[in-house]
PDB file of N, CA and C in Angstrom:
ATOM      1  N   MET A   1     -36.412   1.009  30.521  1.00  0.00           N
ATOM      2  CA  MET A   1     -36.044   1.982  30.496  1.00  0.00           C
ATOM      3  C   MET A   1     -36.486   2.330  28.884  1.00  0.00           C
ATOM      4  N   LEU A   2     -37.406   3.306  29.024  1.00  0.00           N
ATOM      5  CA  LEU A   2     -38.091   3.636  28.089  1.00  0.00           C
ATOM      6  C   LEU A   2     -37.129   4.739  26.747  1.00  0.00           C
ATOM      7  N   THR A   3     -37.164   4.506  25.662  1.00  0.00           N
ATOM      8  CA  THR A   3     -35.992   5.140  24.722  1.00  0.00           C
ATOM      9  C   THR A   3     -36.571   5.353  23.901  1.00  0.00           C
ATOM     10  N   THR A   4     -36.685   6.139  22.671  1.00  0.00           N
ATOM     11  CA  THR A   4     -36.949   6.672  21.484  1.00  0.00           C
ATOM     12  C   THR A   4     -35.912   5.888  20.394  1.00  0.00           C
ATOM     13  N   ILE A   5     -36.490   5.854  18.828  1.00  0.00           N
ATOM     14  CA  ILE A   5     -35.877   4.983  17.881  1.00  0.00           C
ATOM     15  C   ILE A   5     -35.292   6.210  16.980  1.00  0.00           C
ATOM     16  N   ARG A   6     -34.318   6.386  16.677  1.00  0.00           N
ATOM     17  CA  ARG A   6     -33.635   7.592  15.976  1.00  0.00           C
ATOM     18  C   ARG A   6     -33.494   7.203  14.394  1.00  0.00           C
ATOM     19  N   GLN A   7     -34.014   7.983  13.154  1.00  0.00           N
ATOM     20  CA  GLN A   7     -33.720   7.860  12.054  1.00  0.00           C
ATOM     21  C   GLN A   7     -32.229   8.032  11.882  1.00  0.00           C
ATOM     22  N   ILE A   8     -31.287   6.734  11.002  1.00  0.00           N
ATOM     23  CA  ILE A   8     -30.147   7.218  10.785  1.00  0.00           C
ATOM     24  C   ILE A   8     -30.160   6.647   9.201  1.00  0.00           C
ATOM     25  N   GLY A   9     -30.004   7.603   8.286  1.00  0.00           N
ATOM     26  CA  GLY A   9     -29.915   7.482   7.054  1.00  0.00           C
ATOM     27  C   GLY A   9     -31.107   6.787   6.440  1.00  0.00           C
ATOM     28  N   ASN A  10     -31.211   5.531   5.903  1.00  0.00           N
ATOM     29  CA  ASN A  10     -32.324   4.989   5.666  1.00  0.00           C
ATOM     30  C   ASN A  10     -32.791   3.608   6.755  1.00  0.00           C
ATOM     31  N   SER A  11     -32.010   3.706   7.524  1.00  0.00           N
ATOM     32  CA  SER A  11     -32.293   2.724   8.830  1.00  0.00           C
ATOM     33  C   SER A  11     -32.708   3.757  10.042  1.00  0.00           C
ATOM     34  N   ARG A  12     -32.832   2.789  11.229  1.00  0.00           N
ATOM     35  CA  ARG A  12     -33.258   3.413  12.531  1.00  0.00           C
ATOM     36  C   ARG A  12     -32.289   3.103  13.548  1.00  0.00           C
ATOM     37  N   GLY A  13     -32.362   3.813  14.784  1.00  0.00           N
ATOM     38  CA  GLY A  13     -31.198   3.203  15.647  1.00  0.00           C
ATOM     39  C   GLY A  13     -31.954   3.560  16.670  1.00  0.00           C
ATOM     40  N   LEU A  14     -31.119   3.017  17.886  1.00  0.00           N
ATOM     41  CA  LEU A  14     -31.017   3.910  19.197  1.00  0.00           C
ATOM     42  C   LEU A  14     -29.989   3.725  20.162  1.00  0.00           C
ATOM     43  N   LEU A  15     -29.726   4.623  20.920  1.00  0.00           N
ATOM     44  CA  LEU A  15     -28.744   4.784  21.859  1.00  0.00           C
ATOM     45  C   LEU A  15     -29.185   3.931  23.072  1.00  0.00           C
ATOM     46  N   ILE A  16     -27.878   3.538  23.238  1.00  0.00           N
ATOM     47  CA  ILE A  16     -27.894   2.254  24.384  1.00  0.00           C
ATOM     48  C   ILE A  16     -26.850   3.104  25.629  1.00  0.00           C
ATOM     49  N   PRO A  17     -27.358   3.178  26.662  1.00  0.00           N
ATOM     50  CA  PRO A  17     -26.624   3.983  27.637  1.00  0.00           C
ATOM     51  C   PRO A  17     -25.101   3.411  28.299  1.00  0.00           C
ATOM     52  N   ALA A  18     -24.159   4.403  28.261  1.00  0.00           N
ATOM     53  CA  ALA A  18     -22.840   3.612  28.700  1.00  0.00           C
ATOM     54  C   ALA A  18     -22.869   2.475  29.895  1.00  0.00           C
ATOM     55  N   ALA A  19     -23.303   2.679  30.862  1.00  0.00           N
ATOM     56  CA  ALA A  19     -23.601   1.691  31.713  1.00  0.00           C
ATOM     57  C   ALA A  19     -24.473   0.465  31.651  1.00  0.00           C
ATOM     58  N   PHE A  20     -25.144   0.762  30.407  1.00  0.00           N
ATOM     59  CA  PHE A  20     -25.740  -0.741  29.755  1.00  0.00           C
ATOM     60  C   PHE A  20     -24.821  -1.770  29.243  1.00  0.00           C
ATOM     61  N   LEU A  21     -23.768  -0.573  28.435  1.00  0.00           N
ATOM     62  CA  LEU A  21     -22.885  -1.306  27.631  1.00  0.00           C
ATOM     63  C   LEU A  21     -21.643  -1.784  28.654  1.00  0.00           C
ATOM     64  N   ALA A  22     -21.521  -1.253  29.606  1.00  0.00           N
ATOM     65  CA  ALA A  22     -20.285  -1.545  30.364  1.00  0.00           C
ATOM     66  C   ALA A  22     -20.820  -2.725  31.287  1.00  0.00           C
ATOM     67  N   SER A  23     -21.997  -2.912  31.771  1.00  0.00           N
ATOM     68  CA  SER A  23     -22.590  -4.164  32.406  1.00  0.00           C
ATOM     69  C   SER A  23     -22.899  -5.241  31.439  1.00  0.00           C
ATOM     70  N   CYS A  24     -23.115  -5.269  30.541  1.00  0.00           N
ATOM     71  CA  CYS A  24     -23.138  -6.463  29.469  1.00  0.00           C
ATOM     72  C   CYS A  24     -21.795  -6.738  28.760  1.00  0.00           C
ATOM     73  N   GLN A  25     -20.546  -5.875  28.886  1.00  0.00           N
ATOM     74  CA  GLN A  25     -19.192  -6.049  28.340  1.00  0.00           C
ATOM     75  C   GLN A  25     -19.342  -6.204  26.744  1.00  0.00           C
ATOM     76  N   ILE A  26     -19.982  -5.057  26.619  1.00  0.00           N
ATOM     77  CA  ILE A  26     -20.484  -4.798  24.893  1.00  0.00           C
ATOM     78  C   ILE A  26     -19.674  -4.059  24.566  1.00  0.00           C
ATOM     79  N   GLU A  27     -18.416  -4.152  23.510  1.00  0.00           N
ATOM     80  CA  GLU A  27     -17.274  -3.333  23.011  1.00  0.00           C
ATOM     81  C   GLU A  27     -18.120  -2.794  21.297  1.00  0.00           C
ATOM     82  N   ASP A  28     -17.573  -3.363  20.712  1.00  0.00           N
ATOM     83  CA  ASP A  28     -17.667  -2.556  19.527  1.00  0.00           C
ATOM     84  C   ASP A  28     -18.561  -3.535  18.131  1.00  0.00           C
ATOM     85  N   GLN A  29     -18.824  -4.699  18.638  1.00  0.00           N
ATOM     86  CA  GLN A  29     -19.539  -5.551  18.092  1.00  0.00           C
ATOM     87  C   GLN A  29     -20.776  -6.398  18.629  1.00  0.00           C
ATOM     88  N   VAL A  30     -22.037  -6.430  18.312  1.00  0.00           N
ATOM     89  CA  VAL A  30     -22.996  -7.324  18.889  1.00  0.00           C
ATOM     90  C   VAL A  30     -23.528  -8.277  18.108  1.00  0.00           C
ATOM     91  N   ASP A  31     -24.018  -9.159  18.272  1.00  0.00           N
ATOM     92  CA  ASP A  31     -24.916 -10.232  17.791  1.00  0.00           C
ATOM     93  C   ASP A  31     -26.369  -9.998  17.690  1.00  0.00           C
ATOM     94  N   LEU A  32     -27.130  -9.549  17.045  1.00  0.00           N
ATOM     95  CA  LEU A  32     -28.255  -9.543  16.608  1.00  0.00           C
ATOM     96  C   LEU A  32     -29.468 -10.477  16.425  1.00  0.00           C
ATOM     97  N   GLU A  33     -30.145 -10.973  17.056  1.00  0.00           N
ATOM     98  CA  GLU A  33     -31.231 -12.071  17.114  1.00  0.00           C
ATOM     99  C   GLU A  33     -32.655 -11.832  17.119  1.00  0.00           C
ATOM    100  N   LEU A  34     -33.467 -12.006  15.954  1.00  0.00           N
ATOM    101  CA  LEU A  34     -34.784 -12.042  16.323  1.00  0.00           C
ATOM    102  C   LEU A  34     -35.605 -13.131  16.757  1.00  0.00           C
ATOM    103  N   GLN A  35     -36.385 -12.980  17.958  1.00  0.00           N
ATOM    104  CA  GLN A  35     -36.445 -14.307  18.943  1.00  0.00           C
ATOM    105  C   GLN A  35     -37.601 -13.955  19.528  1.00  0.00           C
ATOM    106  N   ASP A  36     -38.715 -14.543  19.099  1.00  0.00           N
ATOM    107  CA  ASP A  36     -40.448 -14.617  19.254  1.00  0.00           C
ATOM    108  C   ASP A  36     -40.939 -13.164  19.337  1.00  0.00           C
ATOM    109  N   GLY A  37     -40.232 -12.295  18.333  1.00  0.00           N
ATOM    110  CA  GLY A  37     -40.871 -10.904  18.080  1.00  0.00           C
ATOM    111  C   GLY A  37     -40.241  -9.952  18.588  1.00  0.00           C
ATOM    112  N   GLN A  38     -39.217 -10.445  19.509  1.00  0.00           N
ATOM    113  CA  GLN A  38     -37.956  -9.572  20.383  1.00  0.00           C
ATOM    114  C   GLN A  38     -36.790  -9.528  19.898  1.00  0.00           C
ATOM    115  N   ILE A  39     -35.801  -8.138  19.644  1.00  0.00           N
ATOM    116  CA  ILE A  39     -34.735  -8.088  19.147  1.00  0.00           C
ATOM    117  C   ILE A  39     -33.946  -8.462  20.485  1.00  0.00           C
ATOM    118  N   LEU A  40     -33.037  -9.645  20.253  1.00  0.00           N
ATOM    119  CA  LEU A  40     -32.231 -10.021  21.346  1.00  0.00           C
ATOM    120  C   LEU A  40     -30.639  -9.407  20.695  1.00  0.00           C
ATOM    121  N   ILE A  41     -30.057  -8.408  21.789  1.00  0.00           N
ATOM    122  CA  ILE A  41     -28.621  -8.192  21.547  1.00  0.00           C
ATOM    123  C   ILE A  41     -27.761  -8.804  22.459  1.00  0.00           C
ATOM    124  N   LYS A  42     -26.746  -9.366  21.793  1.00  0.00           N
ATOM    125  CA  LYS A  42     -25.971 -10.206  22.593  1.00  0.00           C
ATOM    126  C   LYS A  42     -24.176  -9.639  22.171  1.00  0.00           C
ATOM    127  N   PRO A  43     -23.609  -9.856  23.207  1.00  0.00           N
ATOM    128  CA  PRO A  43     -22.054  -9.073  22.865  1.00  0.00           C
ATOM    129  C   PRO A  43     -21.202 -10.054  22.490  1.00  0.00           C
ATOM    130  N   VAL A  44     -20.205  -9.546  21.776  1.00  0.00           N
ATOM    131  CA  VAL A  44     -19.469 -10.633  20.818  1.00  0.00           C
ATOM    132  C   VAL A  44     -18.360 -10.330  21.613  1.00  0.00           C
ATOM    133  N   LYS A  45     -17.704 -11.695  21.981  1.00  0.00           N
ATOM    134  CA  LYS A  45     -16.639 -11.494  22.703  1.00  0.00           C
ATOM    135  C   LYS A  45     -15.551 -11.903  21.823  1.00  0.00           C
ATOM    136  N   ARG A  46     -14.280 -11.074  21.798  1.00  0.00           N
ATOM    137  CA  ARG A  46     -13.275 -11.477  20.918  1.00  0.00           C
ATOM    138  C   ARG A  46     -12.106 -11.786  21.293  1.00  0.00           C
ATOM    139  N   LYS A  47     -11.725 -12.969  20.856  1.00  0.00           N
ATOM    140  CA  LYS A  47     -10.509 -14.091  21.458  1.00  0.00           C
ATOM    141  C   LYS A  47      -9.058 -12.838  21.251  1.00  0.00           C
ATOM    142  N   LEU A  48      -8.503 -12.781  22.067  1.00  0.00           N
ATOM    143  CA  LEU A  48      -7.156 -11.806  22.085  1.00  0.00           C
ATOM    144  C   LEU A  48      -6.423 -12.919  20.982  1.00  0.00           C
ATOM    145  N   ARG A  49      -5.544 -12.143  20.246  1.00  0.00           N
ATOM    146  CA  ARG A  49      -4.918 -12.515  19.162  1.00  0.00           C
ATOM    147  C   ARG A  49      -5.726 -13.733  18.285  1.00  0.00           C
ATOM    148  N   ASN A  50      -6.792 -13.727  17.899  1.00  0.00           N
ATOM    149  CA  ASN A  50      -7.441 -14.902  17.517  1.00  0.00           C
ATOM    150  C   ASN A  50      -6.772 -14.973  16.046  1.00  0.00           C
ATOM    151  N   GLY A  51      -6.556 -16.740  15.851  1.00  0.00           N
ATOM    152  CA  GLY A  51      -5.602 -16.707  14.851  1.00  0.00           C
ATOM    153  C   GLY A  51      -4.652 -16.588  13.999  1.00  0.00           C
ATOM    154  N   TRP A  52      -3.778 -15.729  15.132  1.00  0.00           N
ATOM    155  CA  TRP A  52      -2.448 -15.382  14.751  1.00  0.00           C
ATOM    156  C   TRP A  52      -1.617 -16.714  14.830  1.00  0.00           C
ATOM    157  N   PHE A  53      -1.755 -17.640  15.223  1.00  0.00           N
ATOM    158  CA  PHE A  53      -0.736 -18.767  15.165  1.00  0.00           C
ATOM    159  C   PHE A  53      -1.486 -19.981  14.499  1.00  0.00           C
ATOM    160  N   SER A  54      -2.510 -19.787  13.950  1.00  0.00           N
ATOM    161  CA  SER A  54      -3.339 -21.002  13.457  1.00  0.00           C
ATOM    162  C   SER A  54      -2.541 -21.918  12.063  1.00  0.00           C
ATOM    163  N   GLU A  55      -1.534 -20.960  11.910  1.00  0.00           N
ATOM    164  CA  GLU A  55      -0.822 -21.954  10.916  1.00  0.00           C
ATOM    165  C   GLU A  55      -0.311 -22.842  11.371  1.00  0.00           C
ATOM    166  N   LEU A  56       0.389 -22.991  12.740  1.00  0.00           N
ATOM    167  CA  LEU A  56       1.167 -24.144  13.349  1.00  0.00           C
ATOM    168  C   LEU A  56       0.353 -25.011  14.074  1.00  0.00           C
ATOM    169  N   SER A  57       0.556 -26.116  13.206  1.00  0.00           N
ATOM    170  CA  SER A  57      -0.160 -27.408  13.753  1.00  0.00           C
ATOM    171  C   SER A  57       0.392 -28.020  14.672  1.00  0.00           C
ATOM    172  N   GLN A  58       1.926 -27.885  15.161  1.00  0.00           N
ATOM    173  CA  GLN A  58       2.852 -28.505  16.245  1.00  0.00           C
ATOM    174  C   GLN A  58       3.187 -27.124  17.067  1.00  0.00           C
ATOM    175  N   PRO A  59       3.493 -27.738  18.241  1.00  0.00           N
ATOM    176  CA  PRO A  59       3.978 -26.445  19.351  1.00  0.00           C
ATOM    177  C   PRO A  59       5.587 -26.304  18.473  1.00  0.00           C
ATOM    178  N   LEU A  60       5.435 -24.551  18.737  1.00  0.00           N
ATOM    179  CA  LEU A  60       7.146 -23.899  18.103  1.00  0.00           C
ATOM    180  C   LEU A  60       8.175 -24.758  19.041  1.00  0.00           C
ATOM    181  N   ASP A  61       9.308 -25.009  18.159  1.00  0.00           N
ATOM    182  CA  ASP A  61      10.394 -25.427  19.101  1.00  0.00           C
ATOM    183  C   ASP A  61      11.444 -24.219  18.840  1.00  0.00           C
ATOM    184  N   ILE A  62      11.697 -23.517  20.051  1.00  0.00           N
ATOM    185  CA  ILE A  62      12.475 -22.291  19.725  1.00  0.00           C
ATOM    186  C   ILE A  62      13.973 -22.304  19.358  1.00  0.00           C
ATOM    187  N   ASP A  63      14.446 -23.611  20.065  1.00  0.00           N
ATOM    188  CA  ASP A  63      15.825 -23.988  19.807  1.00  0.00           C
ATOM    189  C   ASP A  63      16.192 -24.283  17.771  1.00  0.00           C
ATOM    190  N   THR A  64      14.860 -25.143  17.747  1.00  0.00           N
ATOM    191  CA  THR A  64      15.040 -25.669  16.366  1.00  0.00           C
ATOM    192  C   THR A  64      14.952 -24.114  15.124  1.00  0.00           C
ATOM    193  N   ALA A  65      14.133 -23.208  15.780  1.00  0.00           N
ATOM    194  CA  ALA A  65      13.650 -22.179  14.853  1.00  0.00           C
ATOM    195  C   ALA A  65      14.867 -21.242  14.966  1.00  0.00           C
ATOM    196  N   LYS A  66      15.542 -21.115  16.134  1.00  0.00           N
ATOM    197  CA  LYS A  66      16.495 -20.332  16.454  1.00  0.00           C
ATOM    198  C   LYS A  66      17.905 -20.669  15.185  1.00  0.00           C
ATOM    199  N   GLU A  67      18.047 -22.204  15.176  1.00  0.00           N
ATOM    200  CA  GLU A  67      19.038 -22.878  14.296  1.00  0.00           C
ATOM    201  C   GLU A  67      18.899 -22.844  12.986  1.00  0.00           C
ATOM    202  N   ASN A  68      17.596 -22.880  12.634  1.00  0.00           N
ATOM    203  CA  ASN A  68      17.126 -22.863  11.316  1.00  0.00           C
ATOM    204  C   ASN A  68      17.452 -21.197  10.551  1.00  0.00           C
ATOM    205  N   ASP A  69      16.619 -20.274  11.709  1.00  0.00           N
ATOM    206  CA  ASP A  69      17.105 -19.008  11.041  1.00  0.00           C
ATOM    207  C   ASP A  69      18.750 -18.747  10.943  1.00  0.00           C
ATOM    208  N   GLU A  70      19.410 -19.393  11.767  1.00  0.00           N
ATOM    209  CA  GLU A  70      21.032 -18.921  12.026  1.00  0.00           C
ATOM    210  C   GLU A  70      21.374 -19.926  10.524  1.00  0.00           C
ATOM    211  N   ALA A  71      21.105 -20.825  10.062  1.00  0.00           N
ATOM    212  CA  ALA A  71      21.684 -21.202   9.071  1.00  0.00           C
ATOM    213  C   ALA A  71      21.347 -20.830   7.625  1.00  0.00           C
ATOM    214  N   GLN A  72      20.219 -20.244   7.411  1.00  0.00           N
ATOM    215  CA  GLN A  72      19.438 -19.312   6.434  1.00  0.00           C
ATOM    216  C   GLN A  72      20.476 -18.251   6.726  1.00  0.00           C
ATOM    217  N   ALA A  73      20.842 -17.638   7.542  1.00  0.00           N
ATOM    218  CA  ALA A  73      21.760 -16.458   7.508  1.00  0.00           C
ATOM    219  C   ALA A  73      22.869 -16.694   6.926  1.00  0.00           C
ATOM    220  N   TRP A  74      23.646 -17.811   7.455  1.00  0.00           N
ATOM    221  CA  TRP A  74      25.149 -17.924   6.959  1.00  0.00           C
ATOM    222  C   TRP A  74      25.060 -18.665   5.568  1.00  0.00           C
ATOM    223  N   ASN A  75      23.891 -19.295   4.922  1.00  0.00           N
ATOM    224  CA  ASN A  75      23.861 -20.019   3.679  1.00  0.00           C
ATOM    225  C   ASN A  75      23.610 -18.638   2.951  1.00  0.00           C
ATOM    226  N   ALA A  76      23.127 -17.814   3.349  1.00  0.00           N
ATOM    227  CA  ALA A  76      23.071 -16.437   2.672  1.00  0.00           C
ATOM    228  C   ALA A  76      24.015 -15.646   2.006  1.00  0.00           C
ATOM    229  N   LEU A  77      25.172 -15.818   3.012  1.00  0.00           N
ATOM    230  CA  LEU A  77      26.489 -15.343   2.840  1.00  0.00           C
ATOM    231  C   LEU A  77      27.140 -15.436   1.456  1.00  0.00           C
ATOM    232  N   PRO A  78      27.919 -15.119   0.650  1.00  0.00           N
ATOM    233  CA  PRO A  78      28.649 -15.172  -0.445  1.00  0.00           C
ATOM    234  C   PRO A  78      29.712 -16.232   0.115  1.00  0.00           C
ATOM    235  N   SER A  79      30.150 -17.362  -1.181  1.00  0.00           N
ATOM    236  CA  SER A  79      30.308 -18.678  -0.626  1.00  0.00           C
ATOM    237  C   SER A  79      32.106 -18.166  -1.113  1.00  0.00           C
ATOM    238  N   ASP A  80      32.576 -16.998  -1.585  1.00  0.00           N
ATOM    239  CA  ASP A  80      33.951 -16.691  -1.789  1.00  0.00           C
ATOM    240  C   ASP A  80      34.103 -15.385  -1.681  1.00  0.00           C
ATOM    241  N   ASP A  81      35.412 -14.945  -1.635  1.00  0.00           N
ATOM    242  CA  ASP A  81      35.456 -13.952  -1.215  1.00  0.00           C
ATOM    243  C   ASP A  81      35.670 -12.676  -2.202  1.00  0.00           C
ATOM    244  N   THR A  82      35.224 -13.000  -3.047  1.00  0.00           N
ATOM    245  CA  THR A  82      35.237 -12.201  -4.465  1.00  0.00           C
ATOM    246  C   THR A  82      33.934 -11.216  -4.575  1.00  0.00           C
ATOM    247  N   GLU A  83      33.036 -11.707  -3.700  1.00  0.00           N
ATOM    248  CA  GLU A  83      31.857 -10.490  -3.712  1.00  0.00           C
ATOM    249  C   GLU A  83      31.851  -9.656  -2.401  1.00  0.00           C
ATOM    250  N   TRP A  84      32.656  -9.877  -1.668  1.00  0.00           N
ATOM    251  CA  TRP A  84      33.092  -9.340  -0.607  1.00  0.00           C
ATOM    252  C   TRP A  84      33.805  -7.712  -0.968  1.00  0.00           C
ATOM    253  N   GLN A  85      33.456  -6.772  -0.424  1.00  0.00           N
ATOM    254  CA  GLN A  85      33.840  -5.252  -0.762  1.00  0.00           C
ATOM    255  C   GLN A  85      34.039  -4.577   1.059  1.00  0.00           C
ATOM    256  N   TRP A  86      35.323  -4.134   0.948  1.00  0.00           N
ATOM    257  CA  TRP A  86      35.889  -3.837   1.956  1.00  0.00           C
ATOM    258  C   TRP A  86      36.304  -2.576   2.073  1.00  0.00           C
TER     259      TRP A  86
END
């Protein structure tokens, strides 16, 4: 396919047809490489929820997490009735 390069600010760019983008599964980002005098455009595959749970070094035990949350809630309550307002 023959296309023209267009001026975009101080750079130059080209339009990639939607059919090409869909066929290559290109979304928002691409990886550009210069290889033997040619520009190679590769799609960037985003992993769903990448990094969301990276701080967990071991699998989460749901029962223990619930017990800890409940214990924290009970410990946050006032220890005597003087702080309660009815």
